[in-house]
Structure formats: C-alpha cells, structure tokens
N, C-alpha and C. Protein backbone atom coordinates (compact mmCIF):
# COMPACT_ATOMS: atom_id res chain seq x y z
N MET A 1 0.71 -1.22 0.11
CA MET A 1 -0.11 -0.15 -0.08
C MET A 1 0.83 1.36 -0.47
N ARG A 2 2.02 1.17 0.93
CA ARG A 2 2.48 2.41 0.74
C ARG A 2 3.32 2.70 -0.50
N ILE A 3 3.76 1.69 -1.36
CA ILE A 3 4.39 2.16 -2.62
C ILE A 3 3.23 2.48 -3.55
N LEU A 4 1.76 1.60 -3.29
CA LEU A 4 0.95 2.51 -4.02
C LEU A 4 0.59 3.86 -3.98
N ASN A 5 0.90 4.41 -2.60
CA ASN A 5 0.68 5.57 -2.28
C ASN A 5 1.54 6.86 -3.03
N ARG A 6 3.16 6.14 -3.09
CA ARG A 6 4.06 6.79 -3.29
C ARG A 6 3.94 7.38 -5.05
N LEU A 7 3.51 6.05 -5.63
CA LEU A 7 3.47 5.80 -6.91
C LEU A 7 2.61 7.26 -7.50
N VAL A 8 1.30 6.98 -6.48
CA VAL A 8 -0.34 8.16 -7.16
C VAL A 8 0.64 9.31 -6.60
N TRP A 9 1.31 9.61 -5.49
CA TRP A 9 2.06 10.91 -4.91
C TRP A 9 2.91 11.62 -6.36
N VAL A 10 3.82 10.64 -7.06
CA VAL A 10 4.94 10.95 -7.85
C VAL A 10 4.03 11.40 -9.14
N LEU A 11 2.83 10.10 -9.68
CA LEU A 11 2.33 10.84 -11.09
C LEU A 11 1.57 11.67 -10.86
N GLY A 12 0.82 12.09 -9.43
CA GLY A 12 0.19 13.24 -9.19
C GLY A 12 1.12 14.63 -9.44
N ILE A 13 2.20 14.52 -8.93
CA ILE A 13 3.28 15.56 -9.10
C ILE A 13 3.36 15.68 -10.70
N LEU A 14 3.69 15.10 -11.23
CA LEU A 14 4.24 14.78 -13.09
C LEU A 14 3.27 15.57 -13.56
N ALA A 15 1.92 15.02 -12.94
CA ALA A 15 0.83 16.00 -13.86
C ALA A 15 0.89 16.73 -13.70
N LEU A 16 0.83 17.85 -12.92
CA LEU A 16 1.03 19.29 -12.69
C LEU A 16 2.04 19.76 -13.13
N VAL A 17 3.44 18.97 -13.13
CA VAL A 17 4.38 20.03 -13.95
C VAL A 17 4.47 19.94 -15.23
N ALA A 18 4.32 18.81 -16.05
CA ALA A 18 4.54 18.39 -17.26
C ALA A 18 3.66 19.74 -18.19
N PRO A 19 2.26 19.94 -17.84
CA PRO A 19 1.52 20.81 -18.71
C PRO A 19 2.01 22.26 -19.10
N PRO A 20 2.93 22.67 -17.71
CA PRO A 20 3.51 23.82 -17.93
C PRO A 20 4.27 23.81 -18.76
N ALA A 21 5.39 23.02 -18.55
CA ALA A 21 6.46 22.57 -19.32
C ALA A 21 6.53 22.21 -20.80
N ALA A 22 5.32 21.58 -21.11
CA ALA A 22 5.13 21.61 -22.52
C ALA A 22 4.88 23.06 -22.67
N LEU A 23 3.96 23.68 -22.35
CA LEU A 23 2.91 24.84 -23.28
C LEU A 23 4.80 25.82 -23.06
N ARG A 24 5.34 25.81 -22.07
CA ARG A 24 6.47 26.57 -22.02
C ARG A 24 7.52 26.17 -23.28
N ALA A 25 7.55 25.24 -23.72
CA ALA A 25 8.22 24.61 -24.85
C ALA A 25 8.22 25.23 -26.25
N ALA A 26 6.25 24.87 -26.37
CA ALA A 26 5.71 25.27 -27.43
C ALA A 26 5.81 26.45 -27.87
N THR A 27 5.81 27.63 -26.66
CA THR A 27 6.28 28.99 -26.82
C THR A 27 6.94 29.42 -27.39
N GLU A 28 8.33 28.68 -26.67
CA GLU A 28 9.66 29.09 -27.11
C GLU A 28 10.00 28.37 -28.54
N ASP A 29 9.26 27.51 -29.23
CA ASP A 29 9.59 26.91 -30.31
C ASP A 29 8.68 28.07 -31.43
N ALA A 30 7.69 28.35 -30.90
CA ALA A 30 6.35 29.35 -31.80
C ALA A 30 7.60 30.70 -31.76
N ARG A 31 8.19 31.06 -31.04
CA ARG A 31 8.77 32.20 -31.22
C ARG A 31 10.19 31.92 -32.06
N GLY A 32 10.64 31.09 -32.31
CA GLY A 32 12.06 31.01 -33.03
C GLY A 32 11.59 30.44 -34.32
N SER A 33 10.59 30.39 -34.49
CA SER A 33 9.99 29.98 -36.22
C SER A 33 9.26 31.32 -36.92
N ILE A 34 8.82 30.60 -38.18
CA ILE A 34 8.18 31.13 -38.85
C ILE A 34 7.45 29.87 -39.56
N VAL A 35 6.01 30.44 -40.06
CA VAL A 35 5.03 29.96 -40.23
C VAL A 35 4.53 30.37 -41.72
N ILE A 36 4.55 29.56 -42.56
CA ILE A 36 4.02 29.78 -44.31
C ILE A 36 2.46 28.91 -43.91
N VAL A 37 1.31 29.76 -44.49
CA VAL A 37 0.20 29.38 -44.65
C VAL A 37 -0.13 29.29 -46.07
N PHE A 38 -0.59 27.97 -46.85
CA PHE A 38 -0.54 27.92 -48.10
C PHE A 38 -2.05 28.13 -48.43
N LYS A 39 -2.40 28.67 -49.57
CA LYS A 39 -3.97 29.08 -49.98
C LYS A 39 -4.89 27.76 -49.68
N ASP A 40 -4.29 26.46 -49.99
CA ASP A 40 -5.56 25.19 -49.30
C ASP A 40 -5.75 25.22 -47.63
N GLY A 41 -4.92 25.88 -47.29
CA GLY A 41 -5.21 25.87 -45.64
C GLY A 41 -3.79 24.96 -45.02
N ARG A 42 -3.01 24.38 -46.05
CA ARG A 42 -1.81 23.65 -44.89
C ARG A 42 -0.80 24.64 -44.40
N LYS A 43 -0.13 24.37 -43.45
CA LYS A 43 1.46 24.92 -42.58
C LYS A 43 2.35 24.32 -42.94
N GLN A 44 3.35 25.09 -42.80
CA GLN A 44 4.47 24.46 -42.47
C GLN A 44 5.34 25.08 -42.01
N SER A 45 6.13 25.15 -41.34
CA SER A 45 6.78 25.57 -40.14
C SER A 45 8.34 25.66 -40.41
N PHE A 46 8.88 26.80 -40.21
CA PHE A 46 10.55 26.77 -40.48
C PHE A 46 11.47 27.37 -39.57
N ARG A 47 12.34 26.67 -38.90
CA ARG A 47 12.99 27.72 -37.65
C ARG A 47 13.83 28.43 -38.20
N LEU A 48 13.71 29.81 -37.54
CA LEU A 48 14.72 31.10 -37.74
C LEU A 48 16.15 30.85 -38.43
N ALA A 49 16.39 29.90 -37.26
CA ALA A 49 17.77 30.02 -36.81
C ALA A 49 18.22 29.28 -38.45
N GLU A 50 17.58 28.33 -38.83
CA GLU A 50 18.16 27.79 -40.44
C GLU A 50 17.79 28.76 -41.42
N ILE A 51 17.31 29.94 -40.91
CA ILE A 51 16.89 30.65 -42.79
C ILE A 51 18.22 32.01 -42.36
N ALA A 52 18.56 32.03 -44.13
CA ALA A 52 19.73 32.60 -44.07
C ALA A 52 18.85 34.13 -44.80
N ARG A 53 18.04 34.07 -45.31
CA ARG A 53 17.51 35.16 -46.20
C ARG A 53 15.83 34.53 -46.88
N ILE A 54 15.05 35.33 -47.01
CA ILE A 54 14.13 34.67 -47.69
C ILE A 54 13.61 35.90 -49.17
N GLU A 55 13.83 35.24 -50.34
CA GLU A 55 13.68 35.98 -51.53
C GLU A 55 12.13 35.61 -52.15
N PHE A 56 11.96 36.35 -52.87
CA PHE A 56 10.41 36.53 -53.49
C PHE A 56 10.80 36.50 -55.02
N ASN A 57 10.44 35.60 -55.79
CA ASN A 57 10.82 35.99 -57.38
C ASN A 57 10.22 36.58 -58.22
N SER A 58 8.75 36.76 -57.46
CA SER A 58 7.60 37.18 -58.20
C SER A 58 7.89 39.19 -58.50
N PRO A 59 7.73 39.19 -59.98
CA PRO A 59 7.71 40.84 -60.18
C PRO A 59 7.13 41.98 -59.07
N ALA A 60 5.80 41.28 -58.88
CA ALA A 60 5.30 42.27 -57.94
C ALA A 60 5.67 42.42 -56.95
N VAL A 61 6.65 41.56 -56.11
CA VAL A 61 7.14 41.88 -54.97
C VAL A 61 8.28 42.71 -54.93
N LYS A 62 8.92 42.91 -56.19
CA LYS A 62 10.22 43.72 -56.72
C LYS A 62 10.07 45.07 -56.14
N THR A 63 9.46 45.62 -56.05
CA THR A 63 9.04 47.17 -56.11
C THR A 63 9.17 47.12 -54.25
N SER A 64 8.73 46.32 -53.81
CA SER A 64 8.87 46.15 -52.64
C SER A 64 10.18 45.79 -51.40
N LEU A 65 11.38 45.39 -52.21
CA LEU A 65 12.41 45.02 -51.53
C LEU A 65 12.74 46.16 -51.18
N GLY A 66 13.42 46.28 -49.60
CA GLY A 66 13.83 47.10 -48.76
C GLY A 66 15.77 46.89 -48.62
N GLN A 67 16.15 47.92 -48.26
CA GLN A 67 17.72 47.95 -47.94
C GLN A 67 18.26 47.14 -47.42
N GLY A 68 17.31 46.20 -46.82
CA GLY A 68 17.96 44.72 -46.02
C GLY A 68 18.45 43.69 -47.09
N HIS A 69 17.71 44.11 -48.22
CA HIS A 69 17.63 43.11 -49.43
C HIS A 69 19.14 43.14 -49.77
N PHE A 70 19.90 44.37 -49.64
CA PHE A 70 20.99 44.75 -50.54
C PHE A 70 22.09 44.93 -49.71
N LEU A 71 22.09 45.02 -48.40
CA LEU A 71 22.77 45.20 -47.30
C LEU A 71 23.95 44.02 -47.78
N GLY A 72 25.42 44.21 -47.58
CA GLY A 72 26.89 43.38 -47.59
C GLY A 72 27.63 43.55 -48.65
N GLU A 73 28.10 42.80 -49.07
CA GLU A 73 29.17 42.92 -49.97
C GLU A 73 28.99 42.09 -51.57
N TRP A 74 29.19 42.86 -52.32
CA TRP A 74 28.61 42.52 -53.79
C TRP A 74 30.18 42.41 -54.71
N LYS A 75 30.35 41.27 -55.62
CA LYS A 75 31.49 41.16 -56.43
C LYS A 75 30.76 41.57 -57.90
N VAL A 76 31.72 42.31 -58.57
CA VAL A 76 31.11 43.02 -59.76
C VAL A 76 32.05 43.41 -60.42
N ASP A 77 31.88 43.77 -61.68
CA ASP A 77 32.98 43.81 -62.97
C ASP A 77 32.67 45.38 -63.54
N ASP A 78 33.99 45.94 -64.02
CA ASP A 78 33.71 47.13 -64.42
C ASP A 78 32.91 47.32 -66.02
N GLY A 79 33.07 45.97 -66.57
CA GLY A 79 32.61 46.50 -67.72
C GLY A 79 33.56 45.81 -68.95
N MET A 80 35.13 45.66 -68.02
CA MET A 80 35.95 45.69 -68.86
C MET A 80 36.69 44.41 -68.28
N GLY A 81 36.27 43.61 -67.59
CA GLY A 81 37.25 42.65 -67.09
C GLY A 81 37.71 42.73 -65.77
N ARG A 82 37.66 44.00 -65.23
CA ARG A 82 38.46 44.15 -63.66
C ARG A 82 37.16 44.16 -62.64
N LYS A 83 37.50 42.84 -62.17
CA LYS A 83 36.70 43.11 -60.93
C LYS A 83 36.53 43.68 -59.97
N PHE A 84 35.89 44.06 -59.06
CA PHE A 84 36.10 44.34 -57.82
C PHE A 84 35.05 44.72 -57.11
N ASP A 85 34.85 44.69 -55.66
CA ASP A 85 33.65 44.63 -54.67
C ASP A 85 32.72 46.22 -54.45
N ILE A 86 31.90 45.56 -54.28
CA ILE A 86 30.94 46.85 -53.69
C ILE A 86 30.31 46.40 -52.14
N SER A 87 30.42 47.73 -51.35
CA SER A 87 30.09 47.02 -49.81
C SER A 87 29.00 48.12 -49.51
N LEU A 88 27.74 47.49 -49.15
CA LEU A 88 26.60 48.72 -49.00
C LEU A 88 26.52 48.20 -47.47
N LYS A 89 26.20 49.49 -46.86
CA LYS A 89 26.12 49.83 -45.18
C LYS A 89 24.82 49.75 -45.10
N PRO A 90 24.55 49.48 -43.57
CA PRO A 90 23.15 49.89 -42.95
C PRO A 90 22.88 51.51 -43.17
N ASP A 91 23.93 52.16 -43.13
CA ASP A 91 23.91 53.86 -42.86
C ASP A 91 23.74 54.55 -43.76
N GLY A 92 23.65 53.82 -45.48
CA GLY A 92 23.40 54.53 -46.35
C GLY A 92 24.77 54.85 -47.23
N VAL A 93 26.14 54.21 -46.64
CA VAL A 93 27.46 54.72 -47.00
C VAL A 93 28.09 53.21 -48.39
N ALA A 94 28.32 53.56 -49.04
CA ALA A 94 29.00 52.73 -49.93
C ALA A 94 30.18 52.76 -50.20
N HIS A 95 30.98 51.28 -50.08
CA HIS A 95 32.37 51.82 -50.60
C HIS A 95 32.65 50.52 -51.39
N LYS A 96 34.19 50.62 -52.02
CA LYS A 96 34.17 50.19 -53.42
C LYS A 96 35.57 49.76 -53.58
N THR A 97 36.15 48.74 -54.29
CA THR A 97 37.37 48.65 -54.32
C THR A 97 38.19 48.85 -55.20
N LEU A 98 37.78 49.99 -56.31
CA LEU A 98 37.89 50.26 -57.50
C LEU A 98 37.50 51.24 -57.74
N GLY A 99 38.62 52.78 -58.06
CA GLY A 99 38.11 54.12 -58.66
C GLY A 99 37.73 54.78 -57.21
N SER A 100 36.70 55.81 -57.27
CA SER A 100 36.48 56.06 -56.19
C SER A 100 36.04 55.55 -55.03
N SER A 101 36.57 55.54 -54.16
CA SER A 101 35.94 54.66 -53.22
C SER A 101 34.92 54.51 -52.10
N HIS A 102 34.41 55.75 -52.04
CA HIS A 102 33.27 56.25 -51.17
C HIS A 102 32.10 56.88 -51.95
N GLY A 103 30.79 56.47 -51.41
CA GLY A 103 29.81 56.94 -52.05
C GLY A 103 28.28 56.93 -51.35
N THR A 104 27.17 57.22 -51.41
CA THR A 104 26.19 56.66 -50.50
C THR A 104 25.09 55.81 -51.48
N TRP A 105 24.17 55.31 -50.77
CA TRP A 105 23.17 54.71 -51.59
C TRP A 105 22.17 54.19 -50.67
N THR A 106 20.68 54.20 -52.03
CA THR A 106 19.60 53.96 -51.32
C THR A 106 18.75 52.97 -51.81
N VAL A 107 17.65 52.75 -51.65
CA VAL A 107 16.89 51.61 -52.13
C VAL A 107 15.57 52.75 -52.90
N VAL A 108 15.20 52.43 -54.48
CA VAL A 108 14.45 53.06 -55.08
C VAL A 108 13.88 52.34 -56.06
N GLU A 109 12.71 52.21 -56.02
CA GLU A 109 11.59 50.71 -56.81
C GLU A 109 12.28 49.74 -56.96
N GLY A 110 12.48 49.12 -55.51
CA GLY A 110 13.38 47.95 -55.56
C GLY A 110 14.44 47.72 -55.69
N GLU A 111 15.35 48.70 -56.29
CA GLU A 111 17.13 48.43 -56.93
C GLU A 111 17.79 49.41 -56.05
N ALA A 112 18.73 49.04 -55.62
CA ALA A 112 20.05 49.78 -54.88
C ALA A 112 20.26 50.64 -55.59
N ARG A 113 20.66 51.91 -55.46
CA ARG A 113 20.61 53.27 -56.48
C ARG A 113 22.24 53.52 -55.30
N ILE A 114 23.36 53.52 -56.24
CA ILE A 114 24.30 54.02 -55.77
C ILE A 114 25.25 55.14 -56.30
N SER A 115 25.48 56.33 -55.32
CA SER A 115 26.19 57.80 -56.30
C SER A 115 27.52 57.62 -55.33
N TRP A 116 28.84 57.39 -56.66
CA TRP A 116 30.16 58.00 -56.12
C TRP A 116 30.41 59.25 -56.27
N GLU A 117 31.66 59.28 -55.27
CA GLU A 117 32.26 60.82 -55.19
C GLU A 117 32.44 61.16 -56.58
N ASP A 118 32.68 60.20 -57.66
CA ASP A 118 33.50 60.89 -58.81
C ASP A 118 32.39 60.77 -59.68
N GLY A 119 31.23 60.71 -59.57
CA GLY A 119 30.32 61.39 -60.14
C GLY A 119 29.45 59.89 -61.15
N TRP A 120 30.17 58.80 -61.15
CA TRP A 120 29.55 57.57 -61.91
C TRP A 120 28.47 57.05 -60.83
N HIS A 121 27.44 56.66 -61.07
CA HIS A 121 26.76 55.76 -60.28
C HIS A 121 26.25 54.70 -60.65
N ASP A 122 26.08 53.56 -59.75
CA ASP A 122 25.76 52.01 -60.09
C ASP A 122 23.73 51.88 -59.71
N VAL A 123 23.65 50.98 -60.11
CA VAL A 123 22.24 50.23 -59.73
C VAL A 123 22.57 48.61 -59.43
N ILE A 124 22.43 48.48 -58.43
CA ILE A 124 22.29 46.65 -58.45
C ILE A 124 20.61 46.43 -58.36
N ARG A 125 20.55 45.55 -58.98
CA ARG A 125 18.83 45.13 -58.86
C ARG A 125 18.93 43.28 -59.54
N LYS A 126 17.50 43.03 -59.11
CA LYS A 126 17.29 42.06 -59.02
C LYS A 126 16.56 41.37 -60.73
N VAL A 127 17.66 40.53 -61.22
CA VAL A 127 16.46 40.01 -62.67
C VAL A 127 16.49 38.62 -62.92
N GLY A 128 15.22 38.35 -62.96
CA GLY A 128 15.11 36.70 -62.49
C GLY A 128 15.03 36.61 -61.40
N SER A 129 16.46 35.29 -61.16
CA SER A 129 16.82 34.77 -59.78
C SER A 129 18.40 34.93 -59.65
N LYS A 130 19.03 36.31 -60.79
CA LYS A 130 20.30 36.80 -60.54
C LYS A 130 20.25 38.43 -60.39
N TYR A 131 21.34 38.41 -59.81
CA TYR A 131 21.50 40.02 -59.66
C TYR A 131 22.31 40.55 -60.93
N GLU A 132 21.95 41.90 -61.46
CA GLU A 132 22.99 43.14 -62.44
C GLU A 132 23.82 44.08 -61.74
N LYS A 133 24.68 44.70 -61.88
CA LYS A 133 25.04 45.77 -61.58
C LYS A 133 24.67 46.85 -63.15
N VAL A 134 24.40 47.93 -62.85
CA VAL A 134 24.15 48.89 -64.05
C VAL A 134 24.91 49.93 -63.79
N ALA A 135 26.07 50.46 -64.53
CA ALA A 135 26.69 51.52 -63.90
C ALA A 135 26.52 52.59 -65.29
N PHE A 136 26.54 54.03 -64.71
CA PHE A 136 25.80 55.37 -65.82
C PHE A 136 27.17 56.06 -65.29
N SER A 137 28.11 56.65 -66.54
CA SER A 137 28.73 57.73 -66.27
C SER A 137 28.51 58.78 -65.94
N PRO A 138 29.44 59.79 -65.38
CA PRO A 138 29.22 61.22 -64.84
C PRO A 138 28.37 61.94 -65.44
N GLY A 139 27.49 62.60 -65.53
CA GLY A 139 26.42 63.10 -66.03
C GLY A 139 25.39 62.65 -66.71
N SER A 140 25.47 61.43 -66.49
CA SER A 140 24.46 60.88 -67.02
C SER A 140 23.32 60.34 -65.82
N SER A 141 21.97 60.20 -65.94
CA SER A 141 20.97 60.41 -65.38
C SER A 141 20.62 58.61 -65.26
N TYR A 142 19.47 57.90 -64.37
CA TYR A 142 19.54 56.82 -64.19
C TYR A 142 18.39 56.18 -65.51
N SER A 143 17.71 56.97 -66.28
CA SER A 143 17.03 56.69 -67.15
C SER A 143 17.90 56.55 -68.61
N ASP A 144 19.04 57.31 -68.79
CA ASP A 144 20.18 57.35 -69.63
C ASP A 144 20.69 55.69 -69.94
N HIS A 145 20.81 55.40 -71.18
CA HIS A 145 21.81 54.38 -71.48
C HIS A 145 22.76 54.23 -70.84
N PRO A 146 22.89 52.82 -70.23
CA PRO A 146 24.01 52.82 -69.12
C PRO A 146 25.37 52.63 -69.93
N SER A 147 26.38 52.90 -69.17
CA SER A 147 27.65 52.82 -69.78
C SER A 147 28.08 51.21 -69.84
N ASN A 148 27.60 50.52 -69.16
CA ASN A 148 28.12 48.77 -68.82
C ASN A 148 26.86 48.41 -68.18
N VAL A 149 26.87 46.62 -68.47
CA VAL A 149 25.93 46.01 -67.15
C VAL A 149 26.82 44.62 -67.31
N THR A 150 26.95 44.58 -65.95
CA THR A 150 27.58 43.04 -65.78
C THR A 150 26.97 42.45 -64.40
N GLU A 151 27.26 41.34 -64.50
CA GLU A 151 26.61 40.63 -63.10
C GLU A 151 27.05 41.11 -61.82
N ALA A 152 25.94 40.63 -60.86
CA ALA A 152 26.36 41.39 -59.66
C ALA A 152 26.38 40.01 -58.45
N ILE A 153 27.52 39.44 -57.68
CA ILE A 153 27.35 38.55 -56.72
C ILE A 153 27.30 39.03 -55.56
N TYR A 154 26.05 38.79 -54.83
CA TYR A 154 25.65 38.88 -53.25
C TYR A 154 26.67 37.29 -53.03
N THR A 155 28.03 37.84 -51.89
CA THR A 155 28.81 37.43 -51.44
C THR A 155 28.51 36.99 -49.97
N GLU A 156 28.03 38.49 -49.37
CA GLU A 156 28.31 38.06 -47.62
C GLU A 156 27.32 39.29 -46.97
N ALA A 157 26.38 38.74 -46.40
CA ALA A 157 25.70 39.88 -45.77
C ALA A 157 26.38 40.81 -44.71
N HIS A 158 25.64 41.94 -44.38
CA HIS A 158 26.79 42.86 -43.61
C HIS A 158 26.19 42.43 -42.33
C-alpha cells in the first residue's frame, strides 16, 4: 500500500508539472520559427535559426524590396574585365575597391542606387533569379543608356 501511495503521489506531481513545461517549450519553439500558410490551408513551419534570407521571385514583389535586401558585399565587374567589390552599409554608406571608393546608396523602386564621389552611379537590381550591376557615367541619369551592365554576385551579408 505504501508503494502504491508513493506512485500515486509521484504521478500527481508529474501531472501538475508536465503541462506548463510543454506549454513553455511550445511557446519558445513558436517564437523561434516562421509559419507559412498556403492557400489550401496547409501550414509549414521553419526554424528562424536555419533561414539565411527570404527571397521573392515575383515581379510584383520587386518594388517592395527594402534596404536589408541589398546590405553586404557584392562582387562586380567594371565592364572591361576588372573585378571589384561593392560594400553596402546599413547607414547608407557605400564603399568599393576600384576607382572612387566612397559613395552613398538608397533603395528606389526595388533596386539599390549608388552615387559615387567621382560622379559615377551604379544600380544593383534583381533580374530573374540573378542580380546585375548597371553603371552610369558622370553626367548621365538613371534613365539614360548605361555605360555597362555586368553580373553582381551577393557574397556576404553585412
């Protein structure tokens, strides 16, 4: 009888402790994840620690790309085969490893527009599943014919 009383006592304590612990674990898991709800009602959950970035390929979403989408390091070309890096910082400052190294940048209509101190200006934009760097010479505008268009490779998030 004594063993039965102890067993009931232990099971009673476990019954009181287990639900709050399970609720806490579920809450912690929900805060560290993202849930995608599909049109047919299905849901899929992803742990945030496993996600590097989220990309939208729809042209309708292109105009909503913000500054965070372009932050970091980019490998580009000057149109004559010389490779260089462009770094886009969160404070709107841009750096590059060829020519005038300092500039500023902002996002306009879903593309990063960079103005360099020497008058050149570049655009980094998403085209399909890739990115391109479009360069404009001093005195030209973003609506003019570009001086060159090359691939832009996103290498490292800032």
